[in-house]
Amino acid sequence: MTSSAQAQKALPGVRGLVFLGFPLHPPGRPGITRATHLEEVGVPMLFLQGTRDDFANLDLLSTLANRLGARATLHLVEGGDHSFKMLKRSGRTDTDAMAELADTIAGWTASLVPP
């Protein structure tokens, strides 16, 4: 919803948008219609996506990020689902995934703040 509002009119004080598991499409129904408004978003966007997320075909999401250009950063959490839950056999815990997300967000947001 915030991205839709930002696409319509720049929101005061917003320097960037972070998407935790962007719901690109319903599970099993790949498409990009939910993301068409992102072309109008004028601030940087960070997409954090699990590689097992049924709500985002990674080929489609990568193509979208490429089309958005420098405004989009895509960070994949290997083995994460839509909620970034990890399979036990991955050797990583849910806490590991959350730490990766936090570190990625912290680094990305720091790059948006002038020195």
PDB file of N, CA and C in Angstrom:
ATOM      1  N   MET A   1       0.819  -1.187   0.000  1.00  0.00           N
ATOM      2  CA  MET A   1       0.000   0.000   0.000  1.00  0.00           C
ATOM      3  C   MET A   1       0.865   1.253   0.000  1.00  0.00           C
ATOM      4  N   THR A   2       1.968   1.233   0.725  1.00  0.00           N
ATOM      5  CA  THR A   2       2.844   2.403   0.761  1.00  0.00           C
ATOM      6  C   THR A   2       3.441   2.656  -0.614  1.00  0.00           C
ATOM      7  N   SER A   3       3.799   1.599  -1.315  1.00  0.00           N
ATOM      8  CA  SER A   3       4.368   1.799  -2.646  1.00  0.00           C
ATOM      9  C   SER A   3       3.331   2.387  -3.599  1.00  0.00           C
ATOM     10  N   SER A   4       2.081   1.998  -3.472  1.00  0.00           N
ATOM     11  CA  SER A   4       1.022   2.575  -4.307  1.00  0.00           C
ATOM     12  C   SER A   4       0.854   4.051  -4.003  1.00  0.00           C
ATOM     13  N   ALA A   5       0.864   4.404  -2.720  1.00  0.00           N
ATOM     14  CA  ALA A   5       0.747   5.814  -2.335  1.00  0.00           C
ATOM     15  C   ALA A   5       1.946   6.603  -2.834  1.00  0.00           C
ATOM     16  N   GLN A   6       3.137   6.041  -2.700  1.00  0.00           N
ATOM     17  CA  GLN A   6       4.360   6.714  -3.154  1.00  0.00           C
ATOM     18  C   GLN A   6       4.355   6.884  -4.670  1.00  0.00           C
ATOM     19  N   ALA A   7       3.768   5.934  -5.383  1.00  0.00           N
ATOM     20  CA  ALA A   7       3.686   6.024  -6.841  1.00  0.00           C
ATOM     21  C   ALA A   7       2.755   7.150  -7.274  1.00  0.00           C
ATOM     22  N   GLN A   8       1.712   7.401  -6.486  1.00  0.00           N
ATOM     23  CA  GLN A   8       0.758   8.455  -6.825  1.00  0.00           C
ATOM     24  C   GLN A   8       1.291   9.848  -6.523  1.00  0.00           C
ATOM     25  N   LYS A   9       1.971   9.968  -5.383  1.00  0.00           N
ATOM     26  CA  LYS A   9       2.500  11.264  -4.959  1.00  0.00           C
ATOM     27  C   LYS A   9       3.602  11.009  -3.937  1.00  0.00           C
ATOM     28  N   ALA A  10       4.731  11.681  -4.132  1.00  0.00           N
ATOM     29  CA  ALA A  10       5.852  11.485  -3.207  1.00  0.00           C
ATOM     30  C   ALA A  10       5.406  11.758  -1.767  1.00  0.00           C
ATOM     31  N   LEU A  11       5.659  10.795  -0.892  1.00  0.00           N
ATOM     32  CA  LEU A  11       5.290  10.930   0.514  1.00  0.00           C
ATOM     33  C   LEU A  11       6.370  11.719   1.245  1.00  0.00           C
ATOM     34  N   PRO A  12       5.987  12.680   2.071  1.00  0.00           N
ATOM     35  CA  PRO A  12       6.981  13.501   2.766  1.00  0.00           C
ATOM     36  C   PRO A  12       7.916  12.664   3.636  1.00  0.00           C
ATOM     37  N   GLY A  13       9.197  12.930   3.513  1.00  0.00           N
ATOM     38  CA  GLY A  13      10.193  12.282   4.355  1.00  0.00           C
ATOM     39  C   GLY A  13      10.586  10.874   3.957  1.00  0.00           C
ATOM     40  N   VAL A  14       9.945  10.310   2.956  1.00  0.00           N
ATOM     41  CA  VAL A  14      10.269   8.940   2.542  1.00  0.00           C
ATOM     42  C   VAL A  14      11.488   8.974   1.627  1.00  0.00           C
ATOM     43  N   ARG A  15      12.537   8.272   2.049  1.00  0.00           N
ATOM     44  CA  ARG A  15      13.779   8.219   1.265  1.00  0.00           C
ATOM     45  C   ARG A  15      13.938   6.904   0.527  1.00  0.00           C
ATOM     46  N   GLY A  16      13.169   5.911   0.907  1.00  0.00           N
ATOM     47  CA  GLY A  16      13.258   4.616   0.260  1.00  0.00           C
ATOM     48  C   GLY A  16      12.193   3.679   0.803  1.00  0.00           C
ATOM     49  N   LEU A  17      11.963   2.595   0.098  1.00  0.00           N
ATOM     50  CA  LEU A  17      10.980   1.589   0.495  1.00  0.00           C
ATOM     51  C   LEU A  17      11.660   0.233   0.603  1.00  0.00           C
ATOM     52  N   VAL A  18      11.330  -0.489   1.665  1.00  0.00           N
ATOM     53  CA  VAL A  18      11.839  -1.845   1.872  1.00  0.00           C
ATOM     54  C   VAL A  18      10.663  -2.806   1.772  1.00  0.00           C
ATOM     55  N   PHE A  19      10.816  -3.805   0.925  1.00  0.00           N
ATOM     56  CA  PHE A  19       9.785  -4.822   0.758  1.00  0.00           C
ATOM     57  C   PHE A  19      10.300  -6.134   1.317  1.00  0.00           C
ATOM     58  N   LEU A  20       9.644  -6.644   2.319  1.00  0.00           N
ATOM     59  CA  LEU A  20       9.980  -7.943   2.909  1.00  0.00           C
ATOM     60  C   LEU A  20       9.044  -8.982   2.304  1.00  0.00           C
ATOM     61  N   GLY A  21       9.515  -9.656   1.279  1.00  0.00           N
ATOM     62  CA  GLY A  21       8.673 -10.641   0.608  1.00  0.00           C
ATOM     63  C   GLY A  21       7.608  -9.967  -0.242  1.00  0.00           C
ATOM     64  N   PHE A  22       8.017  -9.224  -1.263  1.00  0.00           N
ATOM     65  CA  PHE A  22       7.058  -8.531  -2.128  1.00  0.00           C
ATOM     66  C   PHE A  22       6.123  -9.561  -2.766  1.00  0.00           C
ATOM     67  N   PRO A  23       4.799  -9.387  -2.593  1.00  0.00           N
ATOM     68  CA  PRO A  23       3.836 -10.345  -3.155  1.00  0.00           C
ATOM     69  C   PRO A  23       3.578 -10.046  -4.632  1.00  0.00           C
ATOM     70  N   LEU A  24       4.491 -10.460  -5.479  1.00  0.00           N
ATOM     71  CA  LEU A  24       4.421 -10.155  -6.903  1.00  0.00           C
ATOM     72  C   LEU A  24       3.183 -10.747  -7.561  1.00  0.00           C
ATOM     73  N   HIS A  25       2.774 -11.929  -7.101  1.00  0.00           N
ATOM     74  CA  HIS A  25       1.623 -12.614  -7.689  1.00  0.00           C
ATOM     75  C   HIS A  25       1.098 -13.653  -6.704  1.00  0.00           C
ATOM     76  N   PRO A  26      -0.138 -14.112  -6.892  1.00  0.00           N
ATOM     77  CA  PRO A  26      -0.642 -15.201  -6.044  1.00  0.00           C
ATOM     78  C   PRO A  26       0.148 -16.488  -6.319  1.00  0.00           C
ATOM     79  N   PRO A  27       0.278 -17.347  -5.312  1.00  0.00           N
ATOM     80  CA  PRO A  27       0.984 -18.613  -5.533  1.00  0.00           C
ATOM     81  C   PRO A  27       0.392 -19.384  -6.722  1.00  0.00           C
ATOM     82  N   GLY A  28       1.286 -19.870  -7.568  1.00  0.00           N
ATOM     83  CA  GLY A  28       0.868 -20.669  -8.711  1.00  0.00           C
ATOM     84  C   GLY A  28       0.309 -19.878  -9.885  1.00  0.00           C
ATOM     85  N   ARG A  29       0.284 -18.537  -9.775  1.00  0.00           N
ATOM     86  CA  ARG A  29      -0.250 -17.705 -10.861  1.00  0.00           C
ATOM     87  C   ARG A  29       0.736 -16.580 -11.184  1.00  0.00           C
ATOM     88  N   PRO A  30       1.899 -16.919 -11.724  1.00  0.00           N
ATOM     89  CA  PRO A  30       2.932 -15.919 -11.997  1.00  0.00           C
ATOM     90  C   PRO A  30       2.427 -14.774 -12.873  1.00  0.00           C
ATOM     91  N   GLY A  31       2.847 -13.582 -12.512  1.00  0.00           N
ATOM     92  CA  GLY A  31       2.501 -12.384 -13.261  1.00  0.00           C
ATOM     93  C   GLY A  31       3.134 -11.174 -12.604  1.00  0.00           C
ATOM     94  N   ILE A  32       3.054 -10.037 -13.271  1.00  0.00           N
ATOM     95  CA  ILE A  32       3.679  -8.818 -12.721  1.00  0.00           C
ATOM     96  C   ILE A  32       2.697  -7.656 -12.564  1.00  0.00           C
ATOM     97  N   THR A  33       1.409  -7.906 -12.740  1.00  0.00           N
ATOM     98  CA  THR A  33       0.452  -6.795 -12.681  1.00  0.00           C
ATOM     99  C   THR A  33       0.456  -6.094 -11.327  1.00  0.00           C
ATOM    100  N   ARG A  34       0.766  -6.794 -10.257  1.00  0.00           N
ATOM    101  CA  ARG A  34       0.817  -6.162  -8.929  1.00  0.00           C
ATOM    102  C   ARG A  34       1.974  -5.174  -8.809  1.00  0.00           C
ATOM    103  N   ALA A  35       2.900  -5.191  -9.744  1.00  0.00           N
ATOM    104  CA  ALA A  35       4.092  -4.358  -9.641  1.00  0.00           C
ATOM    105  C   ALA A  35       4.138  -3.221 -10.652  1.00  0.00           C
ATOM    106  N   THR A  36       3.122  -3.082 -11.469  1.00  0.00           N
ATOM    107  CA  THR A  36       3.190  -2.065 -12.517  1.00  0.00           C
ATOM    108  C   THR A  36       3.336  -0.663 -11.947  1.00  0.00           C
ATOM    109  N   HIS A  37       2.773  -0.405 -10.790  1.00  0.00           N
ATOM    110  CA  HIS A  37       2.857   0.933 -10.188  1.00  0.00           C
ATOM    111  C   HIS A  37       4.284   1.300  -9.758  1.00  0.00           C
ATOM    112  N   LEU A  38       5.147   0.305  -9.607  1.00  0.00           N
ATOM    113  CA  LEU A  38       6.510   0.570  -9.134  1.00  0.00           C
ATOM    114  C   LEU A  38       7.315   1.410 -10.129  1.00  0.00           C
ATOM    115  N   GLU A  39       6.914   1.404 -11.385  1.00  0.00           N
ATOM    116  CA  GLU A  39       7.571   2.249 -12.389  1.00  0.00           C
ATOM    117  C   GLU A  39       7.465   3.726 -12.004  1.00  0.00           C
ATOM    118  N   GLU A  40       6.420   4.075 -11.249  1.00  0.00           N
ATOM    119  CA  GLU A  40       6.170   5.468 -10.872  1.00  0.00           C
ATOM    120  C   GLU A  40       6.793   5.850  -9.525  1.00  0.00           C
ATOM    121  N   VAL A  41       7.363   4.907  -8.836  1.00  0.00           N
ATOM    122  CA  VAL A  41       8.002   5.182  -7.537  1.00  0.00           C
ATOM    123  C   VAL A  41       9.374   5.797  -7.811  1.00  0.00           C
ATOM    124  N   GLY A  42       9.589   6.991  -7.260  1.00  0.00           N
ATOM    125  CA  GLY A  42      10.818   7.715  -7.536  1.00  0.00           C
ATOM    126  C   GLY A  42      11.897   7.594  -6.487  1.00  0.00           C
ATOM    127  N   VAL A  43      11.694   6.745  -5.479  1.00  0.00           N
ATOM    128  CA  VAL A  43      12.699   6.571  -4.428  1.00  0.00           C
ATOM    129  C   VAL A  43      13.318   5.180  -4.554  1.00  0.00           C
ATOM    130  N   PRO A  44      14.503   4.989  -3.967  1.00  0.00           N
ATOM    131  CA  PRO A  44      15.116   3.654  -3.993  1.00  0.00           C
ATOM    132  C   PRO A  44      14.225   2.606  -3.319  1.00  0.00           C
ATOM    133  N   MET A  45      14.319   1.385  -3.829  1.00  0.00           N
ATOM    134  CA  MET A  45      13.520   0.276  -3.300  1.00  0.00           C
ATOM    135  C   MET A  45      14.424  -0.926  -3.057  1.00  0.00           C
ATOM    136  N   LEU A  46      14.264  -1.537  -1.893  1.00  0.00           N
ATOM    137  CA  LEU A  46      14.987  -2.755  -1.535  1.00  0.00           C
ATOM    138  C   LEU A  46      13.992  -3.895  -1.473  1.00  0.00           C
ATOM    139  N   PHE A  47      14.215  -4.902  -2.302  1.00  0.00           N
ATOM    140  CA  PHE A  47      13.368  -6.094  -2.322  1.00  0.00           C
ATOM    141  C   PHE A  47      14.126  -7.218  -1.627  1.00  0.00           C
ATOM    142  N   LEU A  48      13.596  -7.701  -0.521  1.00  0.00           N
ATOM    143  CA  LEU A  48      14.158  -8.837   0.204  1.00  0.00           C
ATOM    144  C   LEU A  48      13.231 -10.018  -0.055  1.00  0.00           C
ATOM    145  N   GLN A  49      13.762 -11.063  -0.669  1.00  0.00           N
ATOM    146  CA  GLN A  49      12.904 -12.154  -1.098  1.00  0.00           C
ATOM    147  C   GLN A  49      13.552 -13.490  -0.800  1.00  0.00           C
ATOM    148  N   GLY A  50      12.756 -14.410  -0.272  1.00  0.00           N
ATOM    149  CA  GLY A  50      13.225 -15.773  -0.079  1.00  0.00           C
ATOM    150  C   GLY A  50      13.224 -16.518  -1.402  1.00  0.00           C
ATOM    151  N   THR A  51      14.187 -17.393  -1.602  1.00  0.00           N
ATOM    152  CA  THR A  51      14.266 -18.124  -2.863  1.00  0.00           C
ATOM    153  C   THR A  51      13.177 -19.194  -2.997  1.00  0.00           C
ATOM    154  N   ARG A  52      12.467 -19.480  -1.901  1.00  0.00           N
ATOM    155  CA  ARG A  52      11.358 -20.441  -1.953  1.00  0.00           C
ATOM    156  C   ARG A  52      10.008 -19.739  -1.810  1.00  0.00           C
ATOM    157  N   ASP A  53       9.946 -18.461  -2.074  1.00  0.00           N
ATOM    158  CA  ASP A  53       8.718 -17.686  -1.908  1.00  0.00           C
ATOM    159  C   ASP A  53       7.748 -17.976  -3.052  1.00  0.00           C
ATOM    160  N   ASP A  54       6.602 -18.554  -2.720  1.00  0.00           N
ATOM    161  CA  ASP A  54       5.595 -18.888  -3.726  1.00  0.00           C
ATOM    162  C   ASP A  54       4.875 -17.658  -4.269  1.00  0.00           C
ATOM    163  N   PHE A  55       5.082 -16.501  -3.638  1.00  0.00           N
ATOM    164  CA  PHE A  55       4.424 -15.272  -4.062  1.00  0.00           C
ATOM    165  C   PHE A  55       5.280 -14.451  -5.030  1.00  0.00           C
ATOM    166  N   ALA A  56       6.424 -14.969  -5.429  1.00  0.00           N
ATOM    167  CA  ALA A  56       7.285 -14.211  -6.335  1.00  0.00           C
ATOM    168  C   ALA A  56       8.191 -15.143  -7.136  1.00  0.00           C
ATOM    169  N   ASN A  57       7.847 -15.346  -8.372  1.00  0.00           N
ATOM    170  CA  ASN A  57       8.719 -16.073  -9.281  1.00  0.00           C
ATOM    171  C   ASN A  57      10.002 -15.259  -9.410  1.00  0.00           C
ATOM    172  N   LEU A  58      11.133 -15.877  -9.103  1.00  0.00           N
ATOM    173  CA  LEU A  58      12.395 -15.129  -9.053  1.00  0.00           C
ATOM    174  C   LEU A  58      12.835 -14.600 -10.416  1.00  0.00           C
ATOM    175  N   ASP A  59      12.530 -15.301 -11.489  1.00  0.00           N
ATOM    176  CA  ASP A  59      12.857 -14.784 -12.812  1.00  0.00           C
ATOM    177  C   ASP A  59      12.073 -13.500 -13.085  1.00  0.00           C
ATOM    178  N   LEU A  60      10.788 -13.509 -12.750  1.00  0.00           N
ATOM    179  CA  LEU A  60       9.962 -12.312 -12.949  1.00  0.00           C
ATOM    180  C   LEU A  60      10.429 -11.168 -12.063  1.00  0.00           C
ATOM    181  N   LEU A  61      10.754 -11.479 -10.809  1.00  0.00           N
ATOM    182  CA  LEU A  61      11.190 -10.434  -9.887  1.00  0.00           C
ATOM    183  C   LEU A  61      12.537  -9.856 -10.314  1.00  0.00           C
ATOM    184  N   SER A  62      13.445 -10.686 -10.773  1.00  0.00           N
ATOM    185  CA  SER A  62      14.743 -10.203 -11.263  1.00  0.00           C
ATOM    186  C   SER A  62      14.569  -9.306 -12.481  1.00  0.00           C
ATOM    187  N   THR A  63      13.690  -9.709 -13.379  1.00  0.00           N
ATOM    188  CA  THR A  63      13.409  -8.889 -14.560  1.00  0.00           C
ATOM    189  C   THR A  63      12.825  -7.540 -14.148  1.00  0.00           C
ATOM    190  N   LEU A  64      11.920  -7.563 -13.193  1.00  0.00           N
ATOM    191  CA  LEU A  64      11.337  -6.317 -12.687  1.00  0.00           C
ATOM    192  C   LEU A  64      12.415  -5.417 -12.088  1.00  0.00           C
ATOM    193  N   ALA A  65      13.255  -5.976 -11.242  1.00  0.00           N
ATOM    194  CA  ALA A  65      14.316  -5.188 -10.607  1.00  0.00           C
ATOM    195  C   ALA A  65      15.247  -4.590 -11.661  1.00  0.00           C
ATOM    196  N   ASN A  66      15.576  -5.362 -12.673  1.00  0.00           N
ATOM    197  CA  ASN A  66      16.424  -4.852 -13.754  1.00  0.00           C
ATOM    198  C   ASN A  66      15.744  -3.708 -14.494  1.00  0.00           C
ATOM    199  N   ARG A  67      14.454  -3.849 -14.718  1.00  0.00           N
ATOM    200  CA  ARG A  67      13.705  -2.804 -15.423  1.00  0.00           C
ATOM    201  C   ARG A  67      13.641  -1.520 -14.601  1.00  0.00           C
ATOM    202  N   LEU A  68      13.565  -1.648 -13.275  1.00  0.00           N
ATOM    203  CA  LEU A  68      13.523  -0.469 -12.407  1.00  0.00           C
ATOM    204  C   LEU A  68      14.882   0.212 -12.310  1.00  0.00           C
ATOM    205  N   GLY A  69      15.916  -0.495 -12.710  1.00  0.00           N
ATOM    206  CA  GLY A  69      17.254   0.094 -12.768  1.00  0.00           C
ATOM    207  C   GLY A  69      17.845   0.367 -11.398  1.00  0.00           C
ATOM    208  N   ALA A  70      18.567   1.478 -11.320  1.00  0.00           N
ATOM    209  CA  ALA A  70      19.312   1.818 -10.100  1.00  0.00           C
ATOM    210  C   ALA A  70      18.413   2.041  -8.890  1.00  0.00           C
ATOM    211  N   ARG A  71      17.132   2.264  -9.113  1.00  0.00           N
ATOM    212  CA  ARG A  71      16.207   2.462  -7.976  1.00  0.00           C
ATOM    213  C   ARG A  71      15.946   1.170  -7.220  1.00  0.00           C
ATOM    214  N   ALA A  72      16.204   0.027  -7.832  1.00  0.00           N
ATOM    215  CA  ALA A  72      15.861  -1.260  -7.220  1.00  0.00           C
ATOM    216  C   ALA A  72      17.099  -2.057  -6.839  1.00  0.00           C
ATOM    217  N   THR A  73      17.051  -2.597  -5.631  1.00  0.00           N
ATOM    218  CA  THR A  73      18.059  -3.537  -5.157  1.00  0.00           C
ATOM    219  C   THR A  73      17.319  -4.805  -4.765  1.00  0.00           C
ATOM    220  N   LEU A  74      17.767  -5.928  -5.290  1.00  0.00           N
ATOM    221  CA  LEU A  74      17.159  -7.218  -4.973  1.00  0.00           C
ATOM    222  C   LEU A  74      18.147  -8.031  -4.160  1.00  0.00           C
ATOM    223  N   HIS A  75      17.709  -8.457  -2.970  1.00  0.00           N
ATOM    224  CA  HIS A  75      18.536  -9.303  -2.113  1.00  0.00           C
ATOM    225  C   HIS A  75      17.761 -10.598  -1.879  1.00  0.00           C
ATOM    226  N   LEU A  76      18.363 -11.709  -2.273  1.00  0.00           N
ATOM    227  CA  LEU A  76      17.729 -13.013  -2.104  1.00  0.00           C
ATOM    228  C   LEU A  76      18.230 -13.691  -0.845  1.00  0.00           C
ATOM    229  N   VAL A  77      17.300 -14.222  -0.075  1.00  0.00           N
ATOM    230  CA  VAL A  77      17.626 -15.012   1.112  1.00  0.00           C
ATOM    231  C   VAL A  77      17.519 -16.473   0.701  1.00  0.00           C
ATOM    232  N   GLU A  78      18.671 -17.081   0.517  1.00  0.00           N
ATOM    233  CA  GLU A  78      18.737 -18.456   0.022  1.00  0.00           C
ATOM    234  C   GLU A  78      18.005 -19.417   0.959  1.00  0.00           C
ATOM    235  N   GLY A  79      16.996 -20.098   0.407  1.00  0.00           N
ATOM    236  CA  GLY A  79      16.256 -21.099   1.161  1.00  0.00           C
ATOM    237  C   GLY A  79      15.063 -20.566   1.930  1.00  0.00           C
ATOM    238  N   GLY A  80      14.861 -19.257   1.947  1.00  0.00           N
ATOM    239  CA  GLY A  80      13.743 -18.683   2.691  1.00  0.00           C
ATOM    240  C   GLY A  80      12.434 -18.768   1.922  1.00  0.00           C
ATOM    241  N   ASP A  81      11.330 -18.932   2.656  1.00  0.00           N
ATOM    242  CA  ASP A  81      10.016 -18.902   2.018  1.00  0.00           C
ATOM    243  C   ASP A  81       9.467 -17.469   2.117  1.00  0.00           C
ATOM    244  N   HIS A  82       8.180 -17.282   1.922  1.00  0.00           N
ATOM    245  CA  HIS A  82       7.597 -15.936   1.939  1.00  0.00           C
ATOM    246  C   HIS A  82       7.770 -15.250   3.293  1.00  0.00           C
ATOM    247  N   SER A  83       7.798 -16.025   4.363  1.00  0.00           N
ATOM    248  CA  SER A  83       8.005 -15.488   5.714  1.00  0.00           C
ATOM    249  C   SER A  83       9.453 -15.626   6.160  1.00  0.00           C
ATOM    250  N   PHE A  84      10.320 -16.012   5.234  1.00  0.00           N
ATOM    251  CA  PHE A  84      11.742 -16.217   5.485  1.00  0.00           C
ATOM    252  C   PHE A  84      12.004 -17.363   6.459  1.00  0.00           C
ATOM    253  N   LYS A  85      11.074 -18.310   6.490  1.00  0.00           N
ATOM    254  CA  LYS A  85      11.285 -19.533   7.262  1.00  0.00           C
ATOM    255  C   LYS A  85      12.231 -20.427   6.473  1.00  0.00           C
ATOM    256  N   MET A  86      13.134 -21.060   7.217  1.00  0.00           N
ATOM    257  CA  MET A  86      14.156 -21.895   6.600  1.00  0.00           C
ATOM    258  C   MET A  86      13.832 -23.373   6.810  1.00  0.00           C
ATOM    259  N   LEU A  87      14.197 -24.199   5.838  1.00  0.00           N
ATOM    260  CA  LEU A  87      14.091 -25.646   6.000  1.00  0.00           C
ATOM    261  C   LEU A  87      15.231 -26.116   6.894  1.00  0.00           C
ATOM    262  N   LYS A  88      14.961 -27.069   7.758  1.00  0.00           N
ATOM    263  CA  LYS A  88      16.012 -27.588   8.644  1.00  0.00           C
ATOM    264  C   LYS A  88      17.199 -28.117   7.849  1.00  0.00           C
ATOM    265  N   ARG A  89      16.918 -28.740   6.735  1.00  0.00           N
ATOM    266  CA  ARG A  89      18.007 -29.330   5.942  1.00  0.00           C
ATOM    267  C   ARG A  89      18.912 -28.278   5.305  1.00  0.00           C
ATOM    268  N   SER A  90      18.512 -26.997   5.350  1.00  0.00           N
ATOM    269  CA  SER A  90      19.338 -25.942   4.758  1.00  0.00           C
ATOM    270  C   SER A  90      20.586 -25.658   5.594  1.00  0.00           C
ATOM    271  N   GLY A  91      20.533 -26.058   6.874  1.00  0.00           N
ATOM    272  CA  GLY A  91      21.655 -25.771   7.762  1.00  0.00           C
ATOM    273  C   GLY A  91      21.611 -24.371   8.342  1.00  0.00           C
ATOM    274  N   ARG A  92      20.581 -23.619   7.984  1.00  0.00           N
ATOM    275  CA  ARG A  92      20.399 -22.264   8.503  1.00  0.00           C
ATOM    276  C   ARG A  92      19.129 -22.230   9.331  1.00  0.00           C
ATOM    277  N   THR A  93      19.110 -21.358  10.319  1.00  0.00           N
ATOM    278  CA  THR A  93      17.928 -21.215  11.163  1.00  0.00           C
ATOM    279  C   THR A  93      17.130 -19.988  10.738  1.00  0.00           C
ATOM    280  N   ASP A  94      15.919 -19.903  11.236  1.00  0.00           N
ATOM    281  CA  ASP A  94      15.105 -18.713  11.001  1.00  0.00           C
ATOM    282  C   ASP A  94      15.803 -17.481  11.575  1.00  0.00           C
ATOM    283  N   THR A  95      16.481 -17.652  12.693  1.00  0.00           N
ATOM    284  CA  THR A  95      17.235 -16.543  13.305  1.00  0.00           C
ATOM    285  C   THR A  95      18.359 -16.082  12.390  1.00  0.00           C
ATOM    286  N   ASP A  96      19.025 -17.020  11.724  1.00  0.00           N
ATOM    287  CA  ASP A  96      20.056 -16.660  10.754  1.00  0.00           C
ATOM    288  C   ASP A  96      19.460 -15.798   9.635  1.00  0.00           C
ATOM    289  N   ALA A  97      18.300 -16.201   9.153  1.00  0.00           N
ATOM    290  CA  ALA A  97      17.648 -15.450   8.073  1.00  0.00           C
ATOM    291  C   ALA A  97      17.264 -14.052   8.550  1.00  0.00           C
ATOM    292  N   MET A  98      16.732 -13.944   9.764  1.00  0.00           N
ATOM    293  CA  MET A  98      16.350 -12.632  10.296  1.00  0.00           C
ATOM    294  C   MET A  98      17.568 -11.732  10.475  1.00  0.00           C
ATOM    295  N   ALA A  99      18.679 -12.302  10.902  1.00  0.00           N
ATOM    296  CA  ALA A  99      19.910 -11.522  11.055  1.00  0.00           C
ATOM    297  C   ALA A  99      20.392 -11.024   9.699  1.00  0.00           C
ATOM    298  N   GLU A 100      20.303 -11.867   8.686  1.00  0.00           N
ATOM    299  CA  GLU A 100      20.679 -11.462   7.334  1.00  0.00           C
ATOM    300  C   GLU A 100      19.797 -10.311   6.853  1.00  0.00           C
ATOM    301  N   LEU A 101      18.495 -10.423   7.094  1.00  0.00           N
ATOM    302  CA  LEU A 101      17.573  -9.351   6.705  1.00  0.00           C
ATOM    303  C   LEU A 101      17.915  -8.045   7.417  1.00  0.00           C
ATOM    304  N   ALA A 102      18.124  -8.120   8.723  1.00  0.00           N
ATOM    305  CA  ALA A 102      18.432  -6.918   9.505  1.00  0.00           C
ATOM    306  C   ALA A 102      19.724  -6.267   9.026  1.00  0.00           C
ATOM    307  N   ASP A 103      20.751  -7.063   8.801  1.00  0.00           N
ATOM    308  CA  ASP A 103      22.031  -6.531   8.328  1.00  0.00           C
ATOM    309  C   ASP A 103      21.885  -5.878   6.951  1.00  0.00           C
ATOM    310  N   THR A 104      21.133  -6.528   6.080  1.00  0.00           N
ATOM    311  CA  THR A 104      20.940  -5.996   4.732  1.00  0.00           C
ATOM    312  C   THR A 104      20.177  -4.677   4.774  1.00  0.00           C
ATOM    313  N   ILE A 105      19.116  -4.633   5.561  1.00  0.00           N
ATOM    314  CA  ILE A 105      18.333  -3.400   5.685  1.00  0.00           C
ATOM    315  C   ILE A 105      19.182  -2.288   6.283  1.00  0.00           C
ATOM    316  N   ALA A 106      19.947  -2.596   7.323  1.00  0.00           N
ATOM    317  CA  ALA A 106      20.782  -1.577   7.973  1.00  0.00           C
ATOM    318  C   ALA A 106      21.800  -1.000   6.987  1.00  0.00           C
ATOM    319  N   GLY A 107      22.452  -1.848   6.234  1.00  0.00           N
ATOM    320  CA  GLY A 107      23.434  -1.376   5.265  1.00  0.00           C
ATOM    321  C   GLY A 107      22.795  -0.554   4.161  1.00  0.00           C
ATOM    322  N   TRP A 108      21.661  -1.002   3.670  1.00  0.00           N
ATOM    323  CA  TRP A 108      20.982  -0.306   2.586  1.00  0.00           C
ATOM    324  C   TRP A 108      20.461   1.056   3.047  1.00  0.00           C
ATOM    325  N   THR A 109      19.820   1.094   4.213  1.00  0.00           N
ATOM    326  CA  THR A 109      19.279   2.372   4.693  1.00  0.00           C
ATOM    327  C   THR A 109      20.410   3.348   5.015  1.00  0.00           C
ATOM    328  N   ALA A 110      21.537   2.866   5.480  1.00  0.00           N
ATOM    329  CA  ALA A 110      22.671   3.746   5.751  1.00  0.00           C
ATOM    330  C   ALA A 110      23.143   4.432   4.471  1.00  0.00           C
ATOM    331  N   SER A 111      23.008   3.737   3.351  1.00  0.00           N
ATOM    332  CA  SER A 111      23.434   4.324   2.078  1.00  0.00           C
ATOM    333  C   SER A 111      22.500   5.436   1.608  1.00  0.00           C
ATOM    334  N   LEU A 112      21.314   5.529   2.201  1.00  0.00           N
ATOM    335  CA  LEU A 112      20.349   6.562   1.817  1.00  0.00           C
ATOM    336  C   LEU A 112      20.523   7.855   2.606  1.00  0.00           C
ATOM    337  N   VAL A 113      21.260   7.781   3.695  1.00  0.00           N
ATOM    338  CA  VAL A 113      21.442   8.958   4.564  1.00  0.00           C
ATOM    339  C   VAL A 113      22.733   9.662   4.200  1.00  0.00           C
ATOM    340  N   PRO A 114      22.641  10.948   3.868  1.00  0.00           N
ATOM    341  CA  PRO A 114      23.879  11.668   3.521  1.00  0.00           C
ATOM    342  C   PRO A 114      24.838  11.741   4.704  1.00  0.00           C
ATOM    343  N   PRO A 115      26.171  11.720   4.414  1.00  0.00           N
ATOM    344  CA  PRO A 115      27.160  11.752   5.502  1.00  0.00           C
ATOM    345  C   PRO A 115      27.148  13.089   6.250  1.00  0.00           C
TER     346      PRO A 115
END
